[in-house]
Amino acid sequence: MSPSVAVVILNYNGKKHLEQFLPSVMATNYLNLQIIVADNGSTDDSIEFVQQNFPHIKILDHHINEGFAGGYNWALKRVEADYYVLLNSDVEVTNDWVTPVIELMEKDKQIAAAQPKMLAFRQRDSFEYAGAAGGWIDQLGYPFSRGRVFDICEADEGQYDHCEPIFWASGAAMFVRAPVFHEMNGFDPYFFAHQEEIDLCWRMQLAGYTIMACPDSAVYHVGGGTLPRGGRKVFLNFRNNLIMMAKNLPFGELIWKLPMRFFLDAVSAWKGLLTGDIYFFTAIMKAHFAFGWWFLSRYAGIKKVGKPMHTLNGVYTGSVVWNYFVENKKRFLEIISTRR
């Protein structure tokens, strides 16, 4: 029998997306499959909609919103399967999107997580912001992807149509080996949302596992494109990225990379302020203070594995910030061809 797969859709006031995209998920061609909607304290009628229109879908009702990290941690403790698929509610899937990824992971038990090719729902020949063809990271902790560097998403011309190890798999459509997810204690709930999947994949690699891109499977993500300037999303992205570095970098790397990141973050914040974006400036400053509190209160309790960053898959040892903003290199292959 095929391995059991549970597609778990975390929902928060997402009736519109569930109505539009659940039919494609229901049409998935995989026999040993269960589809679950885990509700994160929605205040709309999305749960009633699922109950009435998709009675075979299991619903987990959490009653409170603990974000992406806490919501999935709660839900996946209540799901039994060999593999979890964490799927955003705004993703359209193809009939055969599950099989290629599961077949890839079954061939190598060290693969802990994988992602399909992420294409844009509204521009279907273009990669989508949230993961594109597989996530990478540079030596200073800036995430980018095969097919997406900062705000630039490339057209899909087959340039990434090969499976290969990556640094992180997109949380918008993330296949995870269930026992490994629990071995890693799931996502860090402190993150709430944003970059928790990168932190999890980093910890998986430190534990000796591999993360893979599987372009034989493709999904279409609506997403939000680039993040809105300012606000809570910017705060969480900057705060969580710094926490992720502090948790996972060896101290010998952290001691110089962290000050460098503070400097670059400050440059970004002041640039925003000088262009009139006070909310962006304020969000970064708040993120730095919040990180400082986290560091003073929690860093001492973190157990360090001590693997240098450059020994992991999907790490670019240069600076994607320098390549993008100074050298005007906007495409993934342009950047990594200069240095790995």
C-alpha atoms as a PDB file:
ATOM      1  CA  MET A   1       0.000   0.000   0.000  1.00  0.00           C
ATOM      2  CA  SER A   2       1.121   3.558  -0.670  1.00  0.00           C
ATOM      3  CA  PRO A   3       2.292   5.594   2.318  1.00  0.00           C
ATOM      4  CA  SER A   4      -0.488   7.464   4.074  1.00  0.00           C
ATOM      5  CA  VAL A   5      -0.606  11.189   3.308  1.00  0.00           C
ATOM      6  CA  ALA A   6      -2.562  13.853   5.183  1.00  0.00           C
ATOM      7  CA  VAL A   7      -3.091  17.177   3.420  1.00  0.00           C
ATOM      8  CA  VAL A   8      -3.665  19.673   6.227  1.00  0.00           C
ATOM      9  CA  ILE A   9      -5.002  23.103   5.317  1.00  0.00           C
ATOM     10  CA  LEU A  10      -4.671  25.674   8.080  1.00  0.00           C
ATOM     11  CA  ASN A  11      -7.624  28.044   7.828  1.00  0.00           C
ATOM     12  CA  TYR A  12      -8.280  31.460   9.294  1.00  0.00           C
ATOM     13  CA  ASN A  13     -11.323  33.260   7.888  1.00  0.00           C
ATOM     14  CA  GLY A  14     -10.604  31.680   4.527  1.00  0.00           C
ATOM     15  CA  LYS A  15     -14.041  30.757   3.202  1.00  0.00           C
ATOM     16  CA  LYS A  16     -13.365  32.482  -0.130  1.00  0.00           C
ATOM     17  CA  HIS A  17     -10.200  30.457  -0.735  1.00  0.00           C
ATOM     18  CA  LEU A  18     -11.691  27.203   0.501  1.00  0.00           C
ATOM     19  CA  GLU A  19     -14.625  27.640  -1.845  1.00  0.00           C
ATOM     20  CA  GLN A  20     -12.321  28.304  -4.776  1.00  0.00           C
ATOM     21  CA  PHE A  21      -9.501  25.815  -4.191  1.00  0.00           C
ATOM     22  CA  LEU A  22     -10.813  22.887  -2.155  1.00  0.00           C
ATOM     23  CA  PRO A  23     -12.314  21.245  -5.272  1.00  0.00           C
ATOM     24  CA  SER A  24      -8.845  20.915  -6.834  1.00  0.00           C
ATOM     25  CA  VAL A  25      -7.511  19.355  -3.622  1.00  0.00           C
ATOM     26  CA  MET A  26     -10.442  16.951  -3.508  1.00  0.00           C
ATOM     27  CA  ALA A  27      -9.600  15.856  -7.065  1.00  0.00           C
ATOM     28  CA  THR A  28      -6.105  14.732  -6.042  1.00  0.00           C
ATOM     29  CA  ASN A  29      -5.191  11.397  -7.576  1.00  0.00           C
ATOM     30  CA  TYR A  30      -3.680   9.528  -4.609  1.00  0.00           C
ATOM     31  CA  LEU A  31      -5.403   6.586  -2.951  1.00  0.00           C
ATOM     32  CA  ASN A  32      -4.110   6.686   0.624  1.00  0.00           C
ATOM     33  CA  LEU A  33      -5.027  10.314   1.229  1.00  0.00           C
ATOM     34  CA  GLN A  34      -6.942  12.226   3.856  1.00  0.00           C
ATOM     35  CA  ILE A  35      -7.795  15.921   3.632  1.00  0.00           C
ATOM     36  CA  ILE A  36      -8.103  17.941   6.812  1.00  0.00           C
ATOM     37  CA  VAL A  37      -9.028  21.552   7.459  1.00  0.00           C
ATOM     38  CA  ALA A  38      -7.501  22.803  10.703  1.00  0.00           C
ATOM     39  CA  ASP A  39      -9.260  25.959  11.786  1.00  0.00           C
ATOM     40  CA  ASN A  40      -7.296  28.596  13.646  1.00  0.00           C
ATOM     41  CA  GLY A  41     -10.140  30.342  15.444  1.00  0.00           C
ATOM     42  CA  SER A  42     -11.972  31.712  12.396  1.00  0.00           C
ATOM     43  CA  THR A  43     -14.755  34.235  12.932  1.00  0.00           C
ATOM     44  CA  ASP A  44     -16.334  33.783   9.495  1.00  0.00           C
ATOM     45  CA  ASP A  45     -18.523  30.862   8.388  1.00  0.00           C
ATOM     46  CA  SER A  46     -15.744  28.923   6.669  1.00  0.00           C
ATOM     47  CA  ILE A  47     -16.154  25.861   8.893  1.00  0.00           C
ATOM     48  CA  GLU A  48     -19.899  25.737   8.292  1.00  0.00           C
ATOM     49  CA  PHE A  49     -19.173  26.024   4.563  1.00  0.00           C
ATOM     50  CA  VAL A  50     -16.830  23.011   4.634  1.00  0.00           C
ATOM     51  CA  GLN A  51     -19.241  20.947   6.718  1.00  0.00           C
ATOM     52  CA  GLN A  52     -22.094  21.604   4.313  1.00  0.00           C
ATOM     53  CA  ASN A  53     -20.232  21.279   1.012  1.00  0.00           C
ATOM     54  CA  PHE A  54     -17.408  18.848   1.794  1.00  0.00           C
ATOM     55  CA  PRO A  55     -18.776  16.525   4.461  1.00  0.00           C
ATOM     56  CA  HIS A  56     -15.986  13.967   3.954  1.00  0.00           C
ATOM     57  CA  ILE A  57     -13.297  16.454   4.968  1.00  0.00           C
ATOM     58  CA  LYS A  58     -12.198  16.161   8.592  1.00  0.00           C
ATOM     59  CA  ILE A  59     -12.262  19.419  10.551  1.00  0.00           C
ATOM     60  CA  LEU A  60     -10.045  20.237  13.518  1.00  0.00           C
ATOM     61  CA  ASP A  61     -11.308  23.297  15.373  1.00  0.00           C
ATOM     62  CA  HIS A  62      -8.713  25.009  17.519  1.00  0.00           C
ATOM     63  CA  HIS A  63     -10.961  27.947  18.587  1.00  0.00           C
ATOM     64  CA  ILE A  64      -7.970  30.296  18.918  1.00  0.00           C
ATOM     65  CA  ASN A  65      -5.485  31.750  16.450  1.00  0.00           C
ATOM     66  CA  GLU A  66      -1.913  30.707  17.254  1.00  0.00           C
ATOM     67  CA  GLY A  67      -0.556  31.640  13.854  1.00  0.00           C
ATOM     68  CA  PHE A  68       0.997  29.331  11.278  1.00  0.00           C
ATOM     69  CA  ALA A  69       3.493  27.844  13.726  1.00  0.00           C
ATOM     70  CA  GLY A  70       1.247  27.237  16.717  1.00  0.00           C
ATOM     71  CA  GLY A  71      -1.745  26.266  14.606  1.00  0.00           C
ATOM     72  CA  TYR A  72       0.097  23.553  12.724  1.00  0.00           C
ATOM     73  CA  ASN A  73       1.817  22.288  15.871  1.00  0.00           C
ATOM     74  CA  TRP A  74      -1.587  21.857  17.506  1.00  0.00           C
ATOM     75  CA  ALA A  75      -3.205  20.267  14.456  1.00  0.00           C
ATOM     76  CA  LEU A  76      -0.454  17.816  13.511  1.00  0.00           C
ATOM     77  CA  LYS A  77      -0.426  16.305  16.990  1.00  0.00           C
ATOM     78  CA  ARG A  78      -3.938  15.149  16.128  1.00  0.00           C
ATOM     79  CA  VAL A  79      -3.214  13.724  12.677  1.00  0.00           C
ATOM     80  CA  GLU A  80      -1.868  10.235  12.016  1.00  0.00           C
ATOM     81  CA  ALA A  81      -0.099   9.743   8.684  1.00  0.00           C
ATOM     82  CA  ASP A  82       3.284   8.827   7.254  1.00  0.00           C
ATOM     83  CA  TYR A  83       3.541  12.208   5.561  1.00  0.00           C
ATOM     84  CA  TYR A  84       2.003  15.582   6.230  1.00  0.00           C
ATOM     85  CA  VAL A  85       1.386  18.095   3.462  1.00  0.00           C
ATOM     86  CA  LEU A  86       1.040  21.614   4.816  1.00  0.00           C
ATOM     87  CA  LEU A  87      -1.030  23.399   2.204  1.00  0.00           C
ATOM     88  CA  ASN A  88      -2.139  27.015   2.141  1.00  0.00           C
ATOM     89  CA  SER A  89      -5.820  27.555   1.479  1.00  0.00           C
ATOM     90  CA  ASP A  90      -5.007  29.772  -1.535  1.00  0.00           C
ATOM     91  CA  VAL A  91      -3.265  27.046  -3.561  1.00  0.00           C
ATOM     92  CA  GLU A  92      -4.645  25.292  -6.621  1.00  0.00           C
ATOM     93  CA  VAL A  93      -3.196  21.823  -7.135  1.00  0.00           C
ATOM     94  CA  THR A  94      -3.065  19.462 -10.092  1.00  0.00           C
ATOM     95  CA  ASN A  95      -4.473  15.922 -10.010  1.00  0.00           C
ATOM     96  CA  ASP A  96      -1.091  14.228  -9.703  1.00  0.00           C
ATOM     97  CA  TRP A  97       0.741  16.713  -7.492  1.00  0.00           C
ATOM     98  CA  VAL A  98       1.225  14.347  -4.519  1.00  0.00           C
ATOM     99  CA  THR A  99       2.682  11.220  -6.126  1.00  0.00           C
ATOM    100  CA  PRO A 100       6.002  12.593  -7.502  1.00  0.00           C
ATOM    101  CA  VAL A 101       6.975  14.113  -4.158  1.00  0.00           C
ATOM    102  CA  ILE A 102       6.081  11.027  -2.132  1.00  0.00           C
ATOM    103  CA  GLU A 103       7.953   8.787  -4.593  1.00  0.00           C
ATOM    104  CA  LEU A 104      11.026  11.000  -4.250  1.00  0.00           C
ATOM    105  CA  MET A 105      10.887  10.941  -0.442  1.00  0.00           C
ATOM    106  CA  GLU A 106      10.300   7.178  -0.356  1.00  0.00           C
ATOM    107  CA  LYS A 107      13.526   6.603  -2.290  1.00  0.00           C
ATOM    108  CA  ASP A 108      15.601   8.304   0.395  1.00  0.00           C
ATOM    109  CA  LYS A 109      14.549   8.120   4.038  1.00  0.00           C
ATOM    110  CA  GLN A 110      16.905  11.007   4.879  1.00  0.00           C
ATOM    111  CA  ILE A 111      14.660  13.424   2.995  1.00  0.00           C
ATOM    112  CA  ALA A 112      12.688  15.098   5.772  1.00  0.00           C
ATOM    113  CA  ALA A 113      10.832  17.712   3.729  1.00  0.00           C
ATOM    114  CA  ALA A 114      10.227  18.667   0.120  1.00  0.00           C
ATOM    115  CA  GLN A 115       8.267  21.117  -1.956  1.00  0.00           C
ATOM    116  CA  PRO A 116       6.717  21.118  -5.418  1.00  0.00           C
ATOM    117  CA  LYS A 117       7.341  23.856  -7.956  1.00  0.00           C
ATOM    118  CA  MET A 118       5.447  26.954  -6.819  1.00  0.00           C
ATOM    119  CA  LEU A 119       3.925  28.876  -9.720  1.00  0.00           C
ATOM    120  CA  ALA A 120       1.813  32.027  -9.639  1.00  0.00           C
ATOM    121  CA  PHE A 121      -1.929  31.437  -9.876  1.00  0.00           C
ATOM    122  CA  ARG A 122      -2.550  34.625 -11.848  1.00  0.00           C
ATOM    123  CA  GLN A 123       0.549  34.342 -14.048  1.00  0.00           C
ATOM    124  CA  ARG A 124       0.915  30.625 -14.484  1.00  0.00           C
ATOM    125  CA  ASP A 125       4.184  30.657 -16.414  1.00  0.00           C
ATOM    126  CA  SER A 126       5.912  32.575 -13.612  1.00  0.00           C
ATOM    127  CA  PHE A 127       7.356  31.406 -10.319  1.00  0.00           C
ATOM    128  CA  GLU A 128       5.557  32.494  -7.173  1.00  0.00           C
ATOM    129  CA  TYR A 129       7.140  34.514  -4.404  1.00  0.00           C
ATOM    130  CA  ALA A 130       6.661  31.995  -1.584  1.00  0.00           C
ATOM    131  CA  GLY A 131       9.267  29.384  -2.452  1.00  0.00           C
ATOM    132  CA  ALA A 132       9.390  29.337  -6.277  1.00  0.00           C
ATOM    133  CA  ALA A 133      11.434  26.242  -7.225  1.00  0.00           C
ATOM    134  CA  GLY A 134      13.046  25.739  -3.822  1.00  0.00           C
ATOM    135  CA  GLY A 135      14.436  27.892  -1.044  1.00  0.00           C
ATOM    136  CA  TRP A 136      18.035  28.975  -0.531  1.00  0.00           C
ATOM    137  CA  ILE A 137      19.687  31.308   1.980  1.00  0.00           C
ATOM    138  CA  ASP A 138      22.819  33.454   1.911  1.00  0.00           C
ATOM    139  CA  GLN A 139      25.526  33.556   4.554  1.00  0.00           C
ATOM    140  CA  LEU A 140      23.871  36.480   6.363  1.00  0.00           C
ATOM    141  CA  GLY A 141      20.498  34.764   6.634  1.00  0.00           C
ATOM    142  CA  TYR A 142      18.652  36.380   3.731  1.00  0.00           C
ATOM    143  CA  PRO A 143      16.292  33.830   2.142  1.00  0.00           C
ATOM    144  CA  PHE A 144      15.761  33.648  -1.613  1.00  0.00           C
ATOM    145  CA  SER A 145      14.689  30.928  -4.033  1.00  0.00           C
ATOM    146  CA  ARG A 146      15.436  29.210  -7.274  1.00  0.00           C
ATOM    147  CA  GLY A 147      13.372  31.520  -9.459  1.00  0.00           C
ATOM    148  CA  ARG A 148      12.809  34.366  -6.958  1.00  0.00           C
ATOM    149  CA  VAL A 149      15.296  36.886  -5.608  1.00  0.00           C
ATOM    150  CA  PHE A 150      13.794  39.548  -3.342  1.00  0.00           C
ATOM    151  CA  ASP A 151      10.870  40.994  -5.344  1.00  0.00           C
ATOM    152  CA  ILE A 152      11.796  39.544  -8.745  1.00  0.00           C
ATOM    153  CA  CYS A 153      10.021  36.339  -9.795  1.00  0.00           C
ATOM    154  CA  GLU A 154      11.377  34.718 -12.943  1.00  0.00           C
ATOM    155  CA  ALA A 155       9.397  33.138 -15.753  1.00  0.00           C
ATOM    156  CA  ASP A 156       9.381  29.353 -15.626  1.00  0.00           C
ATOM    157  CA  GLU A 157      11.393  28.324 -18.683  1.00  0.00           C
ATOM    158  CA  GLY A 158      12.361  24.888 -17.393  1.00  0.00           C
ATOM    159  CA  GLN A 159      15.593  26.203 -15.907  1.00  0.00           C
ATOM    160  CA  TYR A 160      14.872  24.550 -12.536  1.00  0.00           C
ATOM    161  CA  ASP A 161      13.181  21.364 -13.741  1.00  0.00           C
ATOM    162  CA  HIS A 162      15.489  19.054 -11.811  1.00  0.00           C
ATOM    163  CA  CYS A 163      15.278  17.686  -8.300  1.00  0.00           C
ATOM    164  CA  GLU A 164      18.024  18.897  -6.027  1.00  0.00           C
ATOM    165  CA  PRO A 165      18.719  19.573  -2.351  1.00  0.00           C
ATOM    166  CA  ILE A 166      17.649  23.002  -1.116  1.00  0.00           C
ATOM    167  CA  PHE A 167      17.912  24.859   2.177  1.00  0.00           C
ATOM    168  CA  TRP A 168      14.210  25.311   2.898  1.00  0.00           C
ATOM    169  CA  ALA A 169      10.856  24.181   1.551  1.00  0.00           C
ATOM    170  CA  SER A 170       7.955  26.597   1.210  1.00  0.00           C
ATOM    171  CA  GLY A 171       5.348  26.451   3.939  1.00  0.00           C
ATOM    172  CA  ALA A 172       2.682  27.127   1.304  1.00  0.00           C
ATOM    173  CA  ALA A 173       2.964  23.515   0.054  1.00  0.00           C
ATOM    174  CA  MET A 174       5.363  21.652   2.305  1.00  0.00           C
ATOM    175  CA  PHE A 175       5.664  17.859   2.353  1.00  0.00           C
ATOM    176  CA  VAL A 176       7.053  16.668   5.687  1.00  0.00           C
ATOM    177  CA  ARG A 177       7.924  13.213   6.940  1.00  0.00           C
ATOM    178  CA  ALA A 178       5.645  12.994   9.990  1.00  0.00           C
ATOM    179  CA  PRO A 179       8.033  11.290  12.465  1.00  0.00           C
ATOM    180  CA  VAL A 180      10.740  13.840  11.682  1.00  0.00           C
ATOM    181  CA  PHE A 181       8.354  16.746  12.212  1.00  0.00           C
ATOM    182  CA  HIS A 182       7.660  15.479  15.727  1.00  0.00           C
ATOM    183  CA  GLU A 183      11.307  14.576  16.313  1.00  0.00           C
ATOM    184  CA  MET A 184      12.110  18.252  15.665  1.00  0.00           C
ATOM    185  CA  ASN A 185       9.251  19.307  17.995  1.00  0.00           C
ATOM    186  CA  GLY A 186       7.556  20.953  15.037  1.00  0.00           C
ATOM    187  CA  PHE A 187       7.688  24.662  14.395  1.00  0.00           C
ATOM    188  CA  ASP A 188       8.964  27.147  16.931  1.00  0.00           C
ATOM    189  CA  PRO A 189       5.668  28.561  18.288  1.00  0.00           C
ATOM    190  CA  TYR A 190       7.404  31.798  19.293  1.00  0.00           C
ATOM    191  CA  PHE A 191       7.663  32.690  15.594  1.00  0.00           C
ATOM    192  CA  PHE A 192       3.835  32.788  15.249  1.00  0.00           C
ATOM    193  CA  ALA A 193       4.147  33.294  11.472  1.00  0.00           C
ATOM    194  CA  HIS A 194       6.858  33.969   8.866  1.00  0.00           C
ATOM    195  CA  GLN A 195      10.105  32.055   8.431  1.00  0.00           C
ATOM    196  CA  GLU A 196       9.146  29.250  10.803  1.00  0.00           C
ATOM    197  CA  GLU A 197       9.474  26.782   7.921  1.00  0.00           C
ATOM    198  CA  ILE A 198      13.016  28.014   7.206  1.00  0.00           C
ATOM    199  CA  ASP A 199      13.929  27.550  10.861  1.00  0.00           C
ATOM    200  CA  LEU A 200      12.463  24.035  10.850  1.00  0.00           C
ATOM    201  CA  CYS A 201      14.347  23.062   7.678  1.00  0.00           C
ATOM    202  CA  TRP A 202      17.579  24.475   9.127  1.00  0.00           C
ATOM    203  CA  ARG A 203      17.115  22.353  12.243  1.00  0.00           C
ATOM    204  CA  MET A 204      16.362  19.310  10.092  1.00  0.00           C
ATOM    205  CA  GLN A 205      19.604  19.804   8.175  1.00  0.00           C
ATOM    206  CA  LEU A 206      21.545  20.209  11.408  1.00  0.00           C
ATOM    207  CA  ALA A 207      20.085  16.858  12.475  1.00  0.00           C
ATOM    208  CA  GLY A 208      21.411  15.230   9.292  1.00  0.00           C
ATOM    209  CA  TYR A 209      18.303  15.315   7.104  1.00  0.00           C
ATOM    210  CA  THR A 210      17.898  16.631   3.556  1.00  0.00           C
ATOM    211  CA  ILE A 211      15.370  19.077   2.104  1.00  0.00           C
ATOM    212  CA  MET A 212      14.453  18.648  -1.573  1.00  0.00           C
ATOM    213  CA  ALA A 213      12.826  20.490  -4.448  1.00  0.00           C
ATOM    214  CA  CYS A 214      10.606  18.293  -6.626  1.00  0.00           C
ATOM    215  CA  PRO A 215       9.645  20.168  -9.822  1.00  0.00           C
ATOM    216  CA  ASP A 216       7.891  17.079 -11.210  1.00  0.00           C
ATOM    217  CA  SER A 217       5.015  18.340  -9.062  1.00  0.00           C
ATOM    218  CA  ALA A 218       3.592  21.832  -9.553  1.00  0.00           C
ATOM    219  CA  VAL A 219       1.017  23.917  -7.695  1.00  0.00           C
ATOM    220  CA  TYR A 220      -0.380  27.412  -8.258  1.00  0.00           C
ATOM    221  CA  HIS A 221      -0.308  29.837  -5.368  1.00  0.00           C
ATOM    222  CA  VAL A 222      -2.268  33.072  -5.126  1.00  0.00           C
ATOM    223  CA  GLY A 223      -0.167  34.410  -2.277  1.00  0.00           C
ATOM    224  CA  GLY A 224       0.460  38.053  -1.541  1.00  0.00           C
ATOM    225  CA  GLY A 225       3.502  38.631  -3.742  1.00  0.00           C
ATOM    226  CA  THR A 226       5.822  41.024  -1.966  1.00  0.00           C
ATOM    227  CA  LEU A 227       5.058  41.781   1.660  1.00  0.00           C
ATOM    228  CA  PRO A 228       3.266  45.038   2.448  1.00  0.00           C
ATOM    229  CA  ARG A 229       5.696  47.704   3.591  1.00  0.00           C
ATOM    230  CA  GLY A 230       5.494  48.200   7.324  1.00  0.00           C
ATOM    231  CA  GLY A 231       3.211  46.562   9.836  1.00  0.00           C
ATOM    232  CA  ARG A 232       3.226  43.281  11.664  1.00  0.00           C
ATOM    233  CA  LYS A 233       4.450  41.188   8.726  1.00  0.00           C
ATOM    234  CA  VAL A 234       7.663  43.201   8.455  1.00  0.00           C
ATOM    235  CA  PHE A 235       8.110  43.030  12.234  1.00  0.00           C
ATOM    236  CA  LEU A 236       7.734  39.241  12.271  1.00  0.00           C
ATOM    237  CA  ASN A 237      10.002  38.711   9.270  1.00  0.00           C
ATOM    238  CA  PHE A 238      12.881  40.755  10.685  1.00  0.00           C
ATOM    239  CA  ARG A 239      12.490  39.518  14.271  1.00  0.00           C
ATOM    240  CA  ASN A 240      12.119  35.859  13.321  1.00  0.00           C
ATOM    241  CA  ASN A 241      15.029  35.939  10.905  1.00  0.00           C
ATOM    242  CA  LEU A 242      17.350  37.187  13.632  1.00  0.00           C
ATOM    243  CA  ILE A 243      16.036  34.602  16.110  1.00  0.00           C
ATOM    244  CA  MET A 244      16.522  31.861  13.534  1.00  0.00           C
ATOM    245  CA  MET A 245      20.158  32.870  13.044  1.00  0.00           C
ATOM    246  CA  ALA A 246      20.806  33.030  16.781  1.00  0.00           C
ATOM    247  CA  LYS A 247      19.282  29.582  17.309  1.00  0.00           C
ATOM    248  CA  ASN A 248      21.063  27.756  14.506  1.00  0.00           C
ATOM    249  CA  LEU A 249      24.407  29.405  13.793  1.00  0.00           C
ATOM    250  CA  PRO A 250      27.558  28.282  15.610  1.00  0.00           C
ATOM    251  CA  PHE A 251      28.637  30.989  18.050  1.00  0.00           C
ATOM    252  CA  GLY A 252      31.812  31.663  16.048  1.00  0.00           C
ATOM    253  CA  GLU A 253      29.681  32.675  13.050  1.00  0.00           C
ATOM    254  CA  LEU A 254      26.949  34.402  15.013  1.00  0.00           C
ATOM    255  CA  ILE A 255      29.384  36.745  16.720  1.00  0.00           C
ATOM    256  CA  TRP A 256      30.137  38.559  13.453  1.00  0.00           C
ATOM    257  CA  LYS A 257      27.061  37.844  11.363  1.00  0.00           C
ATOM    258  CA  LEU A 258      24.599  39.225  13.894  1.00  0.00           C
ATOM    259  CA  PRO A 259      26.194  42.709  14.054  1.00  0.00           C
ATOM    260  CA  MET A 260      26.398  42.718  10.260  1.00  0.00           C
ATOM    261  CA  ARG A 261      22.683  41.928  10.039  1.00  0.00           C
ATOM    262  CA  PHE A 262      21.817  44.649  12.540  1.00  0.00           C
ATOM    263  CA  PHE A 263      23.748  47.113  10.389  1.00  0.00           C
ATOM    264  CA  LEU A 264      22.071  46.047   7.145  1.00  0.00           C
ATOM    265  CA  ASP A 265      18.642  46.043   8.785  1.00  0.00           C
ATOM    266  CA  ALA A 266      19.294  49.567  10.066  1.00  0.00           C
ATOM    267  CA  VAL A 267      20.298  50.717   6.574  1.00  0.00           C
ATOM    268  CA  SER A 268      17.046  49.288   5.237  1.00  0.00           C
ATOM    269  CA  ALA A 269      15.035  50.943   8.009  1.00  0.00           C
ATOM    270  CA  TRP A 270      16.610  54.382   7.506  1.00  0.00           C
ATOM    271  CA  LYS A 271      16.153  54.113   3.762  1.00  0.00           C
ATOM    272  CA  GLY A 272      12.462  53.474   4.396  1.00  0.00           C
ATOM    273  CA  LEU A 273      12.228  56.453   6.739  1.00  0.00           C
ATOM    274  CA  LEU A 274      13.965  58.787   4.292  1.00  0.00           C
ATOM    275  CA  THR A 275      11.482  57.775   1.597  1.00  0.00           C
ATOM    276  CA  GLY A 276       8.578  58.521   3.921  1.00  0.00           C
ATOM    277  CA  ASP A 277       7.778  54.984   5.104  1.00  0.00           C
ATOM    278  CA  ILE A 278       7.726  55.484   8.861  1.00  0.00           C
ATOM    279  CA  TYR A 279       5.808  52.235   9.404  1.00  0.00           C
ATOM    280  CA  PHE A 280       8.582  50.168   7.802  1.00  0.00           C
ATOM    281  CA  PHE A 281      11.190  51.977   9.918  1.00  0.00           C
ATOM    282  CA  THR A 282       9.186  51.464  13.100  1.00  0.00           C
ATOM    283  CA  ALA A 283       8.555  47.773  12.382  1.00  0.00           C
ATOM    284  CA  ILE A 284      12.282  47.044  12.008  1.00  0.00           C
ATOM    285  CA  MET A 285      13.197  48.981  15.141  1.00  0.00           C
ATOM    286  CA  LYS A 286      10.530  47.079  17.102  1.00  0.00           C
ATOM    287  CA  ALA A 287      11.839  43.819  15.658  1.00  0.00           C
ATOM    288  CA  HIS A 288      15.350  44.604  16.903  1.00  0.00           C
ATOM    289  CA  PHE A 289      14.121  45.399  20.407  1.00  0.00           C
ATOM    290  CA  ALA A 290      11.989  42.242  20.438  1.00  0.00           C
ATOM    291  CA  PHE A 291      14.965  40.174  19.318  1.00  0.00           C
ATOM    292  CA  GLY A 292      17.067  41.719  22.073  1.00  0.00           C
ATOM    293  CA  TRP A 293      14.488  40.656  24.652  1.00  0.00           C
ATOM    294  CA  TRP A 294      14.366  37.152  23.175  1.00  0.00           C
ATOM    295  CA  PHE A 295      18.163  36.897  23.170  1.00  0.00           C
ATOM    296  CA  LEU A 296      18.528  37.963  26.789  1.00  0.00           C
ATOM    297  CA  SER A 297      15.736  35.717  28.029  1.00  0.00           C
ATOM    298  CA  ARG A 298      16.069  32.593  25.860  1.00  0.00           C
ATOM    299  CA  TYR A 299      19.387  32.310  24.059  1.00  0.00           C
ATOM    300  CA  ALA A 300      21.188  30.669  26.974  1.00  0.00           C
ATOM    301  CA  GLY A 301      18.770  27.733  26.821  1.00  0.00           C
ATOM    302  CA  ILE A 302      19.398  26.934  23.157  1.00  0.00           C
ATOM    303  CA  LYS A 303      21.378  23.751  22.501  1.00  0.00           C
ATOM    304  CA  LYS A 304      23.861  24.386  19.698  1.00  0.00           C
ATOM    305  CA  VAL A 305      24.651  21.710  17.104  1.00  0.00           C
ATOM    306  CA  GLY A 306      27.677  23.584  15.820  1.00  0.00           C
ATOM    307  CA  LYS A 307      27.601  22.794  12.096  1.00  0.00           C
ATOM    308  CA  PRO A 308      29.028  25.648  10.008  1.00  0.00           C
ATOM    309  CA  MET A 309      26.434  27.183   7.735  1.00  0.00           C
ATOM    310  CA  HIS A 310      28.413  26.606   4.539  1.00  0.00           C
ATOM    311  CA  THR A 311      28.339  22.819   5.081  1.00  0.00           C
ATOM    312  CA  LEU A 312      24.553  22.716   4.589  1.00  0.00           C
ATOM    313  CA  ASN A 313      22.665  22.387   1.305  1.00  0.00           C
ATOM    314  CA  GLY A 314      21.231  25.464  -0.360  1.00  0.00           C
ATOM    315  CA  VAL A 315      23.596  27.979   1.253  1.00  0.00           C
ATOM    316  CA  TYR A 316      25.088  30.761  -0.872  1.00  0.00           C
ATOM    317  CA  THR A 317      28.337  31.884   0.736  1.00  0.00           C
ATOM    318  CA  GLY A 318      28.212  35.356  -0.780  1.00  0.00           C
ATOM    319  CA  SER A 319      25.808  38.226  -0.128  1.00  0.00           C
ATOM    320  CA  VAL A 320      22.579  38.240  -2.091  1.00  0.00           C
ATOM    321  CA  VAL A 321      22.021  41.827  -0.916  1.00  0.00           C
ATOM    322  CA  TRP A 322      25.268  42.940  -2.569  1.00  0.00           C
ATOM    323  CA  ASN A 323      24.552  40.960  -5.738  1.00  0.00           C
ATOM    324  CA  TYR A 324      21.016  42.298  -6.083  1.00  0.00           C
ATOM    325  CA  PHE A 325      21.322  45.932  -5.051  1.00  0.00           C
ATOM    326  CA  VAL A 326      24.912  46.746  -6.033  1.00  0.00           C
ATOM    327  CA  GLU A 327      25.736  44.374  -8.902  1.00  0.00           C
ATOM    328  CA  ASN A 328      22.153  44.436 -10.248  1.00  0.00           C
ATOM    329  CA  LYS A 329      21.950  40.648 -10.503  1.00  0.00           C
ATOM    330  CA  LYS A 330      18.265  39.753 -10.350  1.00  0.00           C
ATOM    331  CA  ARG A 331      18.187  36.050 -11.290  1.00  0.00           C
ATOM    332  CA  PHE A 332      19.073  33.098  -9.100  1.00  0.00           C
ATOM    333  CA  LEU A 333      21.517  31.491 -11.552  1.00  0.00           C
ATOM    334  CA  GLU A 334      23.317  34.804 -12.103  1.00  0.00           C
ATOM    335  CA  ILE A 335      23.968  35.044  -8.395  1.00  0.00           C
ATOM    336  CA  ILE A 336      25.008  31.537  -7.432  1.00  0.00           C
ATOM    337  CA  SER A 337      27.247  31.131 -10.486  1.00  0.00           C
ATOM    338  CA  THR A 338      29.613  33.683  -8.950  1.00  0.00           C
ATOM    339  CA  ARG A 339      30.147  31.824  -5.690  1.00  0.00           C
ATOM    340  CA  ARG A 340      28.836  28.873  -3.716  1.00  0.00           C
END
